[in-house]
Amino acid sequence: MKAIVFDSFGGSDKLRVAEIPTPEPHRGEVQIKVAYTSVNPVDWKIREGHLTEMLPHHFPIIPGWDAAGTVSAIGPGVKNFHVGDAVYAYARKPEVQWGTYAEYVCLDENAVAKKPKALSFAQAAGIPLTALTAWQALFDFAALKQGETVLIHAGAGGVGSMAIQFAKNAGAKVITTASARNHAYVTELGADEVIDYSQNSVSELIKQRYPAGLDIVFDCAGGSALEESYDLLRSEGRLVSIVGTPDPAKAEAANLKAGFVFVSPNSTQLTQIAELIDAGKVLPQHTTERPLEEAAAAQDENKERHVRGKVVLKVS
């Protein structure tokens, strides 16, 4: 099969097109013929060697943790899927090697769900990692409830654009940060208030407008956005980041629940998300399509952090 691989850590020039053996499904696994994959920050972070302490790896590595495609074979014991099913999946495995920048991938069926019927394969490929990240941060960690107020940093990005919609659908008031060119986009997704972080002090505006403090801050930006978040929350508020690890001492001093969320595969949650999409309650992110052979350029663009929504790679 055709795949993008890299043989050592480094820049995007390490990525190359290769022909490698097609993986066969083991017990409990489905083989997916990948139509599209998507580009996420974790892809270039792994390629540059930043996550070696967190994630065991084995070269050569195929990047990619998102897939949308068709079940092409099933292993023994698979109960929920048949050959020909249109599916999507968050494809992280215990060891980093067999990713989704490839024509085929084999995954445990517990990581796979039926693709939302309302979406194309290209749109569906951008959903799993970002949607599961937003879902697990807002609901599993922060326990978002109806009527609460949440600030989502970087609302126009892949995770932020899903988080806005999930929070709004759950009955929360949603504040987000975005550059001026993305204000209309995040408003369309459901944001009640949008702050241009390049023109305003986000922390000063929040303190003025919400002197009692917010219920939740969801940090998808890191850096100063995370550092300034402790003072924006009420006592017993929740601070959740997907970029950096909140300081336990600062969180304790402010009486906050704070933590870092690293997304896990979950077919049940992907099925719930597909139901929301098919019901018209959640829209896909803005999707930009590139051929698989442009993976290096797509990762570089993602690293620059000016992508609206998701970049997806057409595989087959």
C-alpha atoms as a PDB file:
ATOM      1  CA  MET A   1       0.000   0.000   0.000  1.00  0.00           C
ATOM      2  CA  LYS A   2       0.980   3.645  -0.409  1.00  0.00           C
ATOM      3  CA  ALA A   3       1.772   5.544   2.798  1.00  0.00           C
ATOM      4  CA  ILE A   4       3.582   8.603   4.114  1.00  0.00           C
ATOM      5  CA  VAL A   5       6.365   7.543   6.496  1.00  0.00           C
ATOM      6  CA  PHE A   6       9.363   8.955   8.338  1.00  0.00           C
ATOM      7  CA  ASP A   7      12.409   7.029   9.525  1.00  0.00           C
ATOM      8  CA  SER A   8      13.832   9.459  12.095  1.00  0.00           C
ATOM      9  CA  PHE A   9      12.702  12.539  13.998  1.00  0.00           C
ATOM     10  CA  GLY A  10      13.077  15.969  12.429  1.00  0.00           C
ATOM     11  CA  GLY A  11      11.476  18.491  10.089  1.00  0.00           C
ATOM     12  CA  SER A  12       8.760  17.960   7.523  1.00  0.00           C
ATOM     13  CA  ASP A  13      11.452  17.034   4.983  1.00  0.00           C
ATOM     14  CA  LYS A  14      11.640  13.676   6.815  1.00  0.00           C
ATOM     15  CA  LEU A  15       8.249  12.692   5.375  1.00  0.00           C
ATOM     16  CA  ARG A  16       8.354  10.517   2.270  1.00  0.00           C
ATOM     17  CA  VAL A  17       5.971   8.479   0.135  1.00  0.00           C
ATOM     18  CA  ALA A  18       6.598   4.734   0.469  1.00  0.00           C
ATOM     19  CA  GLU A  19       5.171   1.387  -0.597  1.00  0.00           C
ATOM     20  CA  ILE A  20       4.793  -0.875   2.445  1.00  0.00           C
ATOM     21  CA  PRO A  21       2.929  -4.115   3.201  1.00  0.00           C
ATOM     22  CA  THR A  22      -0.806  -3.794   3.789  1.00  0.00           C
ATOM     23  CA  PRO A  23      -1.691  -4.591   7.439  1.00  0.00           C
ATOM     24  CA  GLU A  24      -4.114  -7.455   8.087  1.00  0.00           C
ATOM     25  CA  PRO A  25      -6.707  -7.287  10.884  1.00  0.00           C
ATOM     26  CA  HIS A  26      -6.149  -9.308  14.057  1.00  0.00           C
ATOM     27  CA  ARG A  27      -8.851 -10.537  16.441  1.00  0.00           C
ATOM     28  CA  GLY A  28     -11.293  -7.751  17.261  1.00  0.00           C
ATOM     29  CA  GLU A  29      -9.924  -5.445  14.548  1.00  0.00           C
ATOM     30  CA  VAL A  30     -11.355  -3.962  11.384  1.00  0.00           C
ATOM     31  CA  GLN A  31      -9.292  -3.050   8.349  1.00  0.00           C
ATOM     32  CA  ILE A  32     -10.293   0.325   6.915  1.00  0.00           C
ATOM     33  CA  LYS A  33      -9.594   1.414   3.366  1.00  0.00           C
ATOM     34  CA  VAL A  34      -8.832   5.046   4.134  1.00  0.00           C
ATOM     35  CA  ALA A  35     -10.487   7.632   1.902  1.00  0.00           C
ATOM     36  CA  TYR A  36      -9.283  10.662   3.877  1.00  0.00           C
ATOM     37  CA  THR A  37      -7.154  11.377   6.903  1.00  0.00           C
ATOM     38  CA  SER A  38      -6.617  14.705   8.644  1.00  0.00           C
ATOM     39  CA  VAL A  39      -3.718  16.766   9.942  1.00  0.00           C
ATOM     40  CA  ASN A  40      -3.478  17.533  13.658  1.00  0.00           C
ATOM     41  CA  PRO A  41      -0.816  19.278  15.810  1.00  0.00           C
ATOM     42  CA  VAL A  42       0.086  15.926  17.364  1.00  0.00           C
ATOM     43  CA  ASP A  43       1.270  14.742  13.927  1.00  0.00           C
ATOM     44  CA  TRP A  44       4.140  17.212  13.648  1.00  0.00           C
ATOM     45  CA  LYS A  45       4.866  17.044  17.387  1.00  0.00           C
ATOM     46  CA  ILE A  46       5.437  13.297  17.069  1.00  0.00           C
ATOM     47  CA  ARG A  47       7.512  13.796  13.904  1.00  0.00           C
ATOM     48  CA  GLU A  48       9.752  16.304  15.698  1.00  0.00           C
ATOM     49  CA  GLY A  49      10.252  13.939  18.641  1.00  0.00           C
ATOM     50  CA  HIS A  50       8.416  15.993  21.279  1.00  0.00           C
ATOM     51  CA  LEU A  51       6.261  13.146  22.624  1.00  0.00           C
ATOM     52  CA  THR A  52       8.763  10.323  22.993  1.00  0.00           C
ATOM     53  CA  GLU A  53       8.408  10.239  26.789  1.00  0.00           C
ATOM     54  CA  MET A  54       4.619  10.045  26.554  1.00  0.00           C
ATOM     55  CA  LEU A  55       4.247   7.672  23.601  1.00  0.00           C
ATOM     56  CA  PRO A  56       6.382   4.615  22.788  1.00  0.00           C
ATOM     57  CA  HIS A  57       7.290   4.432  19.096  1.00  0.00           C
ATOM     58  CA  HIS A  58       8.855   2.225  16.472  1.00  0.00           C
ATOM     59  CA  PHE A  59      10.277   3.326  13.105  1.00  0.00           C
ATOM     60  CA  PRO A  60       9.315   3.645  10.340  1.00  0.00           C
ATOM     61  CA  ILE A  61       6.331   5.680  11.531  1.00  0.00           C
ATOM     62  CA  ILE A  62       3.190   6.401   9.527  1.00  0.00           C
ATOM     63  CA  PRO A  63       1.676   9.626  10.945  1.00  0.00           C
ATOM     64  CA  GLY A  64      -2.001  10.313  11.417  1.00  0.00           C
ATOM     65  CA  TRP A  65      -4.679   9.550  13.994  1.00  0.00           C
ATOM     66  CA  ASP A  66      -7.876  10.336  12.034  1.00  0.00           C
ATOM     67  CA  ALA A  67      -9.495   8.167   9.376  1.00  0.00           C
ATOM     68  CA  ALA A  68     -12.676   8.092   7.323  1.00  0.00           C
ATOM     69  CA  GLY A  69     -13.239   5.297   4.859  1.00  0.00           C
ATOM     70  CA  THR A  70     -14.787   1.897   4.246  1.00  0.00           C
ATOM     71  CA  VAL A  71     -14.388  -1.364   6.154  1.00  0.00           C
ATOM     72  CA  SER A  72     -12.414  -3.595   3.785  1.00  0.00           C
ATOM     73  CA  ALA A  73     -11.859  -6.663   6.016  1.00  0.00           C
ATOM     74  CA  ILE A  74     -12.718  -7.804   9.547  1.00  0.00           C
ATOM     75  CA  GLY A  75     -10.787  -9.926  11.995  1.00  0.00           C
ATOM     76  CA  PRO A  76     -12.168 -12.773  14.100  1.00  0.00           C
ATOM     77  CA  GLY A  77     -14.589 -11.725  16.825  1.00  0.00           C
ATOM     78  CA  VAL A  78     -15.674  -8.400  15.307  1.00  0.00           C
ATOM     79  CA  LYS A  79     -19.344  -7.872  16.184  1.00  0.00           C
ATOM     80  CA  ASN A  80     -20.360  -4.392  15.121  1.00  0.00           C
ATOM     81  CA  PHE A  81     -19.045  -3.933  11.579  1.00  0.00           C
ATOM     82  CA  HIS A  82     -19.255  -5.550   8.153  1.00  0.00           C
ATOM     83  CA  VAL A  83     -17.225  -5.173   4.982  1.00  0.00           C
ATOM     84  CA  GLY A  84     -18.519  -2.135   3.105  1.00  0.00           C
ATOM     85  CA  ASP A  85     -19.550  -0.095   6.167  1.00  0.00           C
ATOM     86  CA  ALA A  86     -18.723   3.614   5.917  1.00  0.00           C
ATOM     87  CA  VAL A  87     -16.836   4.470   9.119  1.00  0.00           C
ATOM     88  CA  TYR A  88     -14.698   7.035  10.871  1.00  0.00           C
ATOM     89  CA  ALA A  89     -12.214   6.566  13.686  1.00  0.00           C
ATOM     90  CA  TYR A  90      -9.724   8.082  16.085  1.00  0.00           C
ATOM     91  CA  ALA A  91      -6.777   5.807  15.408  1.00  0.00           C
ATOM     92  CA  ARG A  92      -4.306   6.230  18.289  1.00  0.00           C
ATOM     93  CA  LYS A  93      -2.653   2.948  19.245  1.00  0.00           C
ATOM     94  CA  PRO A  94      -0.532   2.079  22.306  1.00  0.00           C
ATOM     95  CA  GLU A  95       2.634   2.276  20.168  1.00  0.00           C
ATOM     96  CA  VAL A  96       3.145   4.962  17.543  1.00  0.00           C
ATOM     97  CA  GLN A  97       3.882   3.354  14.182  1.00  0.00           C
ATOM     98  CA  TRP A  98       0.802   2.444  12.143  1.00  0.00           C
ATOM     99  CA  GLY A  99      -1.048   5.708  11.474  1.00  0.00           C
ATOM    100  CA  THR A 100      -3.608   6.861   8.946  1.00  0.00           C
ATOM    101  CA  TYR A 101      -1.562   8.662   6.282  1.00  0.00           C
ATOM    102  CA  ALA A 102      -1.915   5.357   4.434  1.00  0.00           C
ATOM    103  CA  GLU A 103      -4.284   3.479   2.142  1.00  0.00           C
ATOM    104  CA  TYR A 104      -5.196   0.979   4.874  1.00  0.00           C
ATOM    105  CA  VAL A 105      -5.200   0.899   8.661  1.00  0.00           C
ATOM    106  CA  CYS A 106      -6.290  -1.814  11.124  1.00  0.00           C
ATOM    107  CA  LEU A 107      -7.988  -0.732  14.350  1.00  0.00           C
ATOM    108  CA  ASP A 108      -9.730  -2.273  17.322  1.00  0.00           C
ATOM    109  CA  GLU A 109     -13.446  -2.020  16.650  1.00  0.00           C
ATOM    110  CA  ASN A 110     -13.832  -0.078  19.923  1.00  0.00           C
ATOM    111  CA  ALA A 111     -12.088   2.862  18.214  1.00  0.00           C
ATOM    112  CA  VAL A 112     -14.389   2.859  15.163  1.00  0.00           C
ATOM    113  CA  ALA A 113     -17.918   4.165  14.551  1.00  0.00           C
ATOM    114  CA  LYS A 114     -20.299   4.480  11.622  1.00  0.00           C
ATOM    115  CA  LYS A 115     -19.595   7.668   9.688  1.00  0.00           C
ATOM    116  CA  PRO A 116     -22.143  10.470  10.033  1.00  0.00           C
ATOM    117  CA  LYS A 117     -24.487  10.057   7.072  1.00  0.00           C
ATOM    118  CA  ALA A 118     -24.704  13.811   6.587  1.00  0.00           C
ATOM    119  CA  LEU A 119     -20.963  14.208   5.965  1.00  0.00           C
ATOM    120  CA  SER A 120     -18.670  13.407   3.084  1.00  0.00           C
ATOM    121  CA  PHE A 121     -15.611  11.267   3.796  1.00  0.00           C
ATOM    122  CA  ALA A 122     -13.496  14.432   3.617  1.00  0.00           C
ATOM    123  CA  GLN A 123     -15.606  16.203   6.242  1.00  0.00           C
ATOM    124  CA  ALA A 124     -15.810  13.110   8.456  1.00  0.00           C
ATOM    125  CA  ALA A 125     -12.030  12.671   8.471  1.00  0.00           C
ATOM    126  CA  GLY A 126     -11.613  15.946  10.329  1.00  0.00           C
ATOM    127  CA  ILE A 127     -13.985  15.010  13.139  1.00  0.00           C
ATOM    128  CA  PRO A 128     -12.721  12.155  15.374  1.00  0.00           C
ATOM    129  CA  LEU A 129      -9.638  13.510  17.179  1.00  0.00           C
ATOM    130  CA  THR A 130     -10.910  17.062  17.537  1.00  0.00           C
ATOM    131  CA  ALA A 131     -14.464  16.122  18.473  1.00  0.00           C
ATOM    132  CA  LEU A 132     -13.427  13.489  21.004  1.00  0.00           C
ATOM    133  CA  THR A 133     -10.911  15.911  22.509  1.00  0.00           C
ATOM    134  CA  ALA A 134     -13.571  18.592  22.939  1.00  0.00           C
ATOM    135  CA  TRP A 135     -16.116  16.074  24.255  1.00  0.00           C
ATOM    136  CA  GLN A 136     -13.799  14.490  26.808  1.00  0.00           C
ATOM    137  CA  ALA A 137     -12.501  17.875  27.992  1.00  0.00           C
ATOM    138  CA  LEU A 138     -15.910  19.523  28.376  1.00  0.00           C
ATOM    139  CA  PHE A 139     -18.006  16.617  29.608  1.00  0.00           C
ATOM    140  CA  ASP A 140     -15.736  13.895  31.028  1.00  0.00           C
ATOM    141  CA  PHE A 141     -13.329  16.269  32.796  1.00  0.00           C
ATOM    142  CA  ALA A 142     -15.158  19.580  33.273  1.00  0.00           C
ATOM    143  CA  ALA A 143     -18.690  18.120  33.645  1.00  0.00           C
ATOM    144  CA  LEU A 144     -20.243  21.042  31.761  1.00  0.00           C
ATOM    145  CA  LYS A 145     -23.861  21.666  32.723  1.00  0.00           C
ATOM    146  CA  GLN A 146     -26.728  23.620  31.229  1.00  0.00           C
ATOM    147  CA  GLY A 147     -26.671  27.307  32.133  1.00  0.00           C
ATOM    148  CA  GLU A 148     -22.938  27.502  32.803  1.00  0.00           C
ATOM    149  CA  THR A 149     -20.567  29.968  31.138  1.00  0.00           C
ATOM    150  CA  VAL A 150     -17.475  28.657  29.367  1.00  0.00           C
ATOM    151  CA  LEU A 151     -14.543  30.434  27.749  1.00  0.00           C
ATOM    152  CA  ILE A 152     -12.961  28.512  24.862  1.00  0.00           C
ATOM    153  CA  HIS A 153      -9.554  29.767  23.801  1.00  0.00           C
ATOM    154  CA  ALA A 154      -8.840  29.432  20.029  1.00  0.00           C
ATOM    155  CA  GLY A 155     -12.399  28.789  18.914  1.00  0.00           C
ATOM    156  CA  ALA A 156     -11.670  28.728  15.182  1.00  0.00           C
ATOM    157  CA  GLY A 157      -9.279  25.795  15.409  1.00  0.00           C
ATOM    158  CA  GLY A 158     -10.196  22.153  14.981  1.00  0.00           C
ATOM    159  CA  VAL A 159     -10.910  21.399  18.650  1.00  0.00           C
ATOM    160  CA  GLY A 160     -12.283  24.833  19.442  1.00  0.00           C
ATOM    161  CA  SER A 161     -14.816  24.746  16.613  1.00  0.00           C
ATOM    162  CA  MET A 162     -16.227  21.466  17.921  1.00  0.00           C
ATOM    163  CA  ALA A 163     -16.131  22.627  21.554  1.00  0.00           C
ATOM    164  CA  ILE A 164     -18.195  25.738  20.769  1.00  0.00           C
ATOM    165  CA  GLN A 165     -20.934  23.602  19.276  1.00  0.00           C
ATOM    166  CA  PHE A 166     -20.936  20.941  21.991  1.00  0.00           C
ATOM    167  CA  ALA A 167     -21.087  23.566  24.740  1.00  0.00           C
ATOM    168  CA  LYS A 168     -23.851  25.513  23.008  1.00  0.00           C
ATOM    169  CA  ASN A 169     -25.852  22.352  22.353  1.00  0.00           C
ATOM    170  CA  ALA A 170     -25.520  21.475  26.063  1.00  0.00           C
ATOM    171  CA  GLY A 171     -27.121  24.803  27.004  1.00  0.00           C
ATOM    172  CA  ALA A 172     -24.027  26.753  28.027  1.00  0.00           C
ATOM    173  CA  LYS A 173     -23.167  30.379  27.337  1.00  0.00           C
ATOM    174  CA  VAL A 174     -20.084  30.330  25.092  1.00  0.00           C
ATOM    175  CA  ILE A 175     -17.322  32.935  24.940  1.00  0.00           C
ATOM    176  CA  THR A 176     -14.431  32.327  22.571  1.00  0.00           C
ATOM    177  CA  THR A 177     -11.276  33.985  21.313  1.00  0.00           C
ATOM    178  CA  ALA A 178     -10.518  34.325  17.608  1.00  0.00           C
ATOM    179  CA  SER A 179      -8.843  36.680  15.172  1.00  0.00           C
ATOM    180  CA  ALA A 180     -11.082  39.183  13.399  1.00  0.00           C
ATOM    181  CA  ARG A 181     -11.185  37.156  10.178  1.00  0.00           C
ATOM    182  CA  ASN A 182     -12.739  34.232  12.063  1.00  0.00           C
ATOM    183  CA  HIS A 183     -15.399  36.101  14.021  1.00  0.00           C
ATOM    184  CA  ALA A 184     -18.207  35.309  11.573  1.00  0.00           C
ATOM    185  CA  TYR A 185     -17.155  31.652  11.498  1.00  0.00           C
ATOM    186  CA  VAL A 186     -17.200  31.098  15.271  1.00  0.00           C
ATOM    187  CA  THR A 187     -20.439  33.068  15.587  1.00  0.00           C
ATOM    188  CA  GLU A 188     -22.026  30.762  13.016  1.00  0.00           C
ATOM    189  CA  LEU A 189     -20.902  27.816  15.155  1.00  0.00           C
ATOM    190  CA  GLY A 190     -22.785  29.267  18.126  1.00  0.00           C
ATOM    191  CA  ALA A 191     -20.424  31.502  20.094  1.00  0.00           C
ATOM    192  CA  ASP A 192     -22.331  34.102  22.118  1.00  0.00           C
ATOM    193  CA  GLU A 193     -19.335  36.411  22.544  1.00  0.00           C
ATOM    194  CA  VAL A 194     -16.133  36.622  20.516  1.00  0.00           C
ATOM    195  CA  ILE A 195     -12.984  38.396  21.711  1.00  0.00           C
ATOM    196  CA  ASP A 196     -10.232  39.363  19.271  1.00  0.00           C
ATOM    197  CA  TYR A 197      -7.169  38.281  21.241  1.00  0.00           C
ATOM    198  CA  SER A 198      -4.879  40.313  18.943  1.00  0.00           C
ATOM    199  CA  GLN A 199      -6.608  43.592  19.751  1.00  0.00           C
ATOM    200  CA  ASN A 200      -7.768  43.139  23.351  1.00  0.00           C
ATOM    201  CA  SER A 201      -6.619  41.826  26.696  1.00  0.00           C
ATOM    202  CA  VAL A 202      -8.815  38.759  27.054  1.00  0.00           C
ATOM    203  CA  SER A 203      -8.315  38.553  30.809  1.00  0.00           C
ATOM    204  CA  GLU A 204      -9.179  42.220  31.389  1.00  0.00           C
ATOM    205  CA  LEU A 205     -12.362  41.997  29.321  1.00  0.00           C
ATOM    206  CA  ILE A 206     -13.498  38.816  31.063  1.00  0.00           C
ATOM    207  CA  LYS A 207     -12.867  40.282  34.515  1.00  0.00           C
ATOM    208  CA  GLN A 208     -14.869  43.391  33.601  1.00  0.00           C
ATOM    209  CA  ARG A 209     -17.804  41.480  32.145  1.00  0.00           C
ATOM    210  CA  TYR A 210     -17.827  38.541  34.583  1.00  0.00           C
ATOM    211  CA  PRO A 211     -16.540  39.797  37.941  1.00  0.00           C
ATOM    212  CA  ALA A 212     -17.916  36.709  39.734  1.00  0.00           C
ATOM    213  CA  GLY A 213     -15.832  34.465  37.483  1.00  0.00           C
ATOM    214  CA  LEU A 214     -16.548  31.889  34.806  1.00  0.00           C
ATOM    215  CA  ASP A 215     -17.554  28.278  35.366  1.00  0.00           C
ATOM    216  CA  ILE A 216     -15.122  26.721  32.871  1.00  0.00           C
ATOM    217  CA  VAL A 217     -12.104  27.755  30.830  1.00  0.00           C
ATOM    218  CA  PHE A 218     -11.150  25.379  28.020  1.00  0.00           C
ATOM    219  CA  ASP A 219      -7.618  26.179  26.847  1.00  0.00           C
ATOM    220  CA  CYS A 220      -6.812  25.177  23.260  1.00  0.00           C
ATOM    221  CA  ALA A 221      -4.061  27.792  22.873  1.00  0.00           C
ATOM    222  CA  GLY A 222      -1.547  27.395  25.709  1.00  0.00           C
ATOM    223  CA  GLY A 223       1.063  29.981  26.669  1.00  0.00           C
ATOM    224  CA  SER A 224      -0.327  33.201  28.108  1.00  0.00           C
ATOM    225  CA  ALA A 225      -3.905  32.034  27.547  1.00  0.00           C
ATOM    226  CA  LEU A 226      -3.372  29.240  30.052  1.00  0.00           C
ATOM    227  CA  GLU A 227      -1.382  31.384  32.496  1.00  0.00           C
ATOM    228  CA  GLU A 228      -4.090  34.053  32.666  1.00  0.00           C
ATOM    229  CA  SER A 229      -6.959  31.586  33.098  1.00  0.00           C
ATOM    230  CA  TYR A 230      -6.625  30.930  36.846  1.00  0.00           C
ATOM    231  CA  ASP A 231      -7.913  34.420  37.684  1.00  0.00           C
ATOM    232  CA  LEU A 232     -10.931  34.173  35.369  1.00  0.00           C
ATOM    233  CA  LEU A 233     -12.741  31.372  37.176  1.00  0.00           C
ATOM    234  CA  ARG A 234     -15.052  31.317  40.165  1.00  0.00           C
ATOM    235  CA  SER A 235     -14.193  29.218  43.187  1.00  0.00           C
ATOM    236  CA  GLU A 236     -14.699  25.535  42.280  1.00  0.00           C
ATOM    237  CA  GLY A 237     -14.504  26.433  38.600  1.00  0.00           C
ATOM    238  CA  ARG A 238     -12.829  24.094  36.121  1.00  0.00           C
ATOM    239  CA  LEU A 239      -9.730  24.754  34.019  1.00  0.00           C
ATOM    240  CA  VAL A 240      -8.955  22.189  31.338  1.00  0.00           C
ATOM    241  CA  SER A 241      -6.142  22.392  28.789  1.00  0.00           C
ATOM    242  CA  ILE A 242      -5.146  20.278  25.805  1.00  0.00           C
ATOM    243  CA  VAL A 243      -1.925  22.211  25.237  1.00  0.00           C
ATOM    244  CA  GLY A 244      -0.217  22.554  28.621  1.00  0.00           C
ATOM    245  CA  THR A 245      -0.506  21.141  32.123  1.00  0.00           C
ATOM    246  CA  PRO A 246      -2.086  23.561  34.623  1.00  0.00           C
ATOM    247  CA  ASP A 247      -0.029  24.391  37.706  1.00  0.00           C
ATOM    248  CA  PRO A 248      -1.441  22.367  40.643  1.00  0.00           C
ATOM    249  CA  ALA A 249      -0.373  24.983  43.194  1.00  0.00           C
ATOM    250  CA  LYS A 250      -2.101  27.813  41.333  1.00  0.00           C
ATOM    251  CA  ALA A 251      -5.211  25.703  40.880  1.00  0.00           C
ATOM    252  CA  GLU A 252      -5.299  24.805  44.578  1.00  0.00           C
ATOM    253  CA  ALA A 253      -4.801  28.439  45.612  1.00  0.00           C
ATOM    254  CA  ALA A 254      -7.776  29.464  43.478  1.00  0.00           C
ATOM    255  CA  ASN A 255      -9.832  26.410  44.546  1.00  0.00           C
ATOM    256  CA  LEU A 256     -10.128  25.086  40.988  1.00  0.00           C
ATOM    257  CA  LYS A 257     -10.341  21.693  39.380  1.00  0.00           C
ATOM    258  CA  ALA A 258      -7.595  21.847  36.761  1.00  0.00           C
ATOM    259  CA  GLY A 259      -5.987  19.344  34.458  1.00  0.00           C
ATOM    260  CA  PHE A 260      -4.606  18.317  31.097  1.00  0.00           C
ATOM    261  CA  VAL A 261      -6.668  16.075  28.806  1.00  0.00           C
ATOM    262  CA  PHE A 262      -5.089  13.705  26.282  1.00  0.00           C
ATOM    263  CA  VAL A 263      -7.809  12.235  24.113  1.00  0.00           C
ATOM    264  CA  SER A 264      -8.612   8.508  24.119  1.00  0.00           C
ATOM    265  CA  PRO A 265     -10.339   6.410  21.415  1.00  0.00           C
ATOM    266  CA  ASN A 266     -14.035   5.919  22.141  1.00  0.00           C
ATOM    267  CA  SER A 267     -16.480   4.443  19.628  1.00  0.00           C
ATOM    268  CA  THR A 268     -19.504   5.126  21.854  1.00  0.00           C
ATOM    269  CA  GLN A 269     -18.755   8.853  21.977  1.00  0.00           C
ATOM    270  CA  LEU A 270     -18.064   8.931  18.221  1.00  0.00           C
ATOM    271  CA  THR A 271     -21.498   7.380  17.686  1.00  0.00           C
ATOM    272  CA  GLN A 272     -23.120  10.048  19.897  1.00  0.00           C
ATOM    273  CA  ILE A 273     -21.269  12.755  17.964  1.00  0.00           C
ATOM    274  CA  ALA A 274     -22.409  11.276  14.632  1.00  0.00           C
ATOM    275  CA  GLU A 275     -26.013  11.367  15.890  1.00  0.00           C
ATOM    276  CA  LEU A 276     -25.679  15.078  16.762  1.00  0.00           C
ATOM    277  CA  ILE A 277     -24.224  15.786  13.314  1.00  0.00           C
ATOM    278  CA  ASP A 278     -26.952  13.841  11.500  1.00  0.00           C
ATOM    279  CA  ALA A 279     -29.588  15.667  13.560  1.00  0.00           C
ATOM    280  CA  GLY A 280     -28.165  18.988  12.359  1.00  0.00           C
ATOM    281  CA  LYS A 281     -27.123  20.038  15.855  1.00  0.00           C
ATOM    282  CA  VAL A 282     -23.374  20.031  15.096  1.00  0.00           C
ATOM    283  CA  LEU A 283     -21.727  21.221  11.876  1.00  0.00           C
ATOM    284  CA  PRO A 284     -18.448  19.922  10.485  1.00  0.00           C
ATOM    285  CA  GLN A 285     -15.471  22.229  10.780  1.00  0.00           C
ATOM    286  CA  HIS A 286     -14.329  24.251   7.819  1.00  0.00           C
ATOM    287  CA  THR A 287     -12.427  21.679   5.743  1.00  0.00           C
ATOM    288  CA  THR A 288      -9.501  22.301   3.382  1.00  0.00           C
ATOM    289  CA  GLU A 289      -8.504  19.368   1.176  1.00  0.00           C
ATOM    290  CA  ARG A 290      -5.003  18.445  -0.031  1.00  0.00           C
ATOM    291  CA  PRO A 291      -3.620  15.325  -1.716  1.00  0.00           C
ATOM    292  CA  LEU A 292      -1.742  12.863   0.494  1.00  0.00           C
ATOM    293  CA  GLU A 293       1.511  13.746  -1.258  1.00  0.00           C
ATOM    294  CA  GLU A 294       1.288  17.271   0.221  1.00  0.00           C
ATOM    295  CA  ALA A 295       1.425  15.979   3.805  1.00  0.00           C
ATOM    296  CA  ALA A 296       4.643  17.874   4.583  1.00  0.00           C
ATOM    297  CA  ALA A 297       3.203  21.228   3.490  1.00  0.00           C
ATOM    298  CA  ALA A 298      -0.015  20.500   5.379  1.00  0.00           C
ATOM    299  CA  GLN A 299       1.883  19.744   8.602  1.00  0.00           C
ATOM    300  CA  ASP A 300       3.907  22.942   8.223  1.00  0.00           C
ATOM    301  CA  GLU A 301       0.694  24.932   7.745  1.00  0.00           C
ATOM    302  CA  ASN A 302      -0.790  23.312  10.847  1.00  0.00           C
ATOM    303  CA  LYS A 303       2.287  24.126  12.901  1.00  0.00           C
ATOM    304  CA  GLU A 304       1.941  27.818  11.990  1.00  0.00           C
ATOM    305  CA  ARG A 305      -1.465  27.677  13.752  1.00  0.00           C
ATOM    306  CA  HIS A 306      -3.379  29.783  11.272  1.00  0.00           C
ATOM    307  CA  VAL A 307      -5.633  27.021   9.947  1.00  0.00           C
ATOM    308  CA  ARG A 308      -9.385  27.528  10.142  1.00  0.00           C
ATOM    309  CA  GLY A 309     -11.013  24.229  11.018  1.00  0.00           C
ATOM    310  CA  LYS A 310      -9.177  21.221   9.571  1.00  0.00           C
ATOM    311  CA  VAL A 311      -6.883  20.283   6.701  1.00  0.00           C
ATOM    312  CA  VAL A 312      -7.666  16.800   5.351  1.00  0.00           C
ATOM    313  CA  LEU A 313      -5.532  14.643   3.061  1.00  0.00           C
ATOM    314  CA  LYS A 314      -7.138  12.644   0.246  1.00  0.00           C
ATOM    315  CA  VAL A 315      -5.718   9.116   0.434  1.00  0.00           C
ATOM    316  CA  SER A 316      -7.820   7.026  -1.956  1.00  0.00           C
END
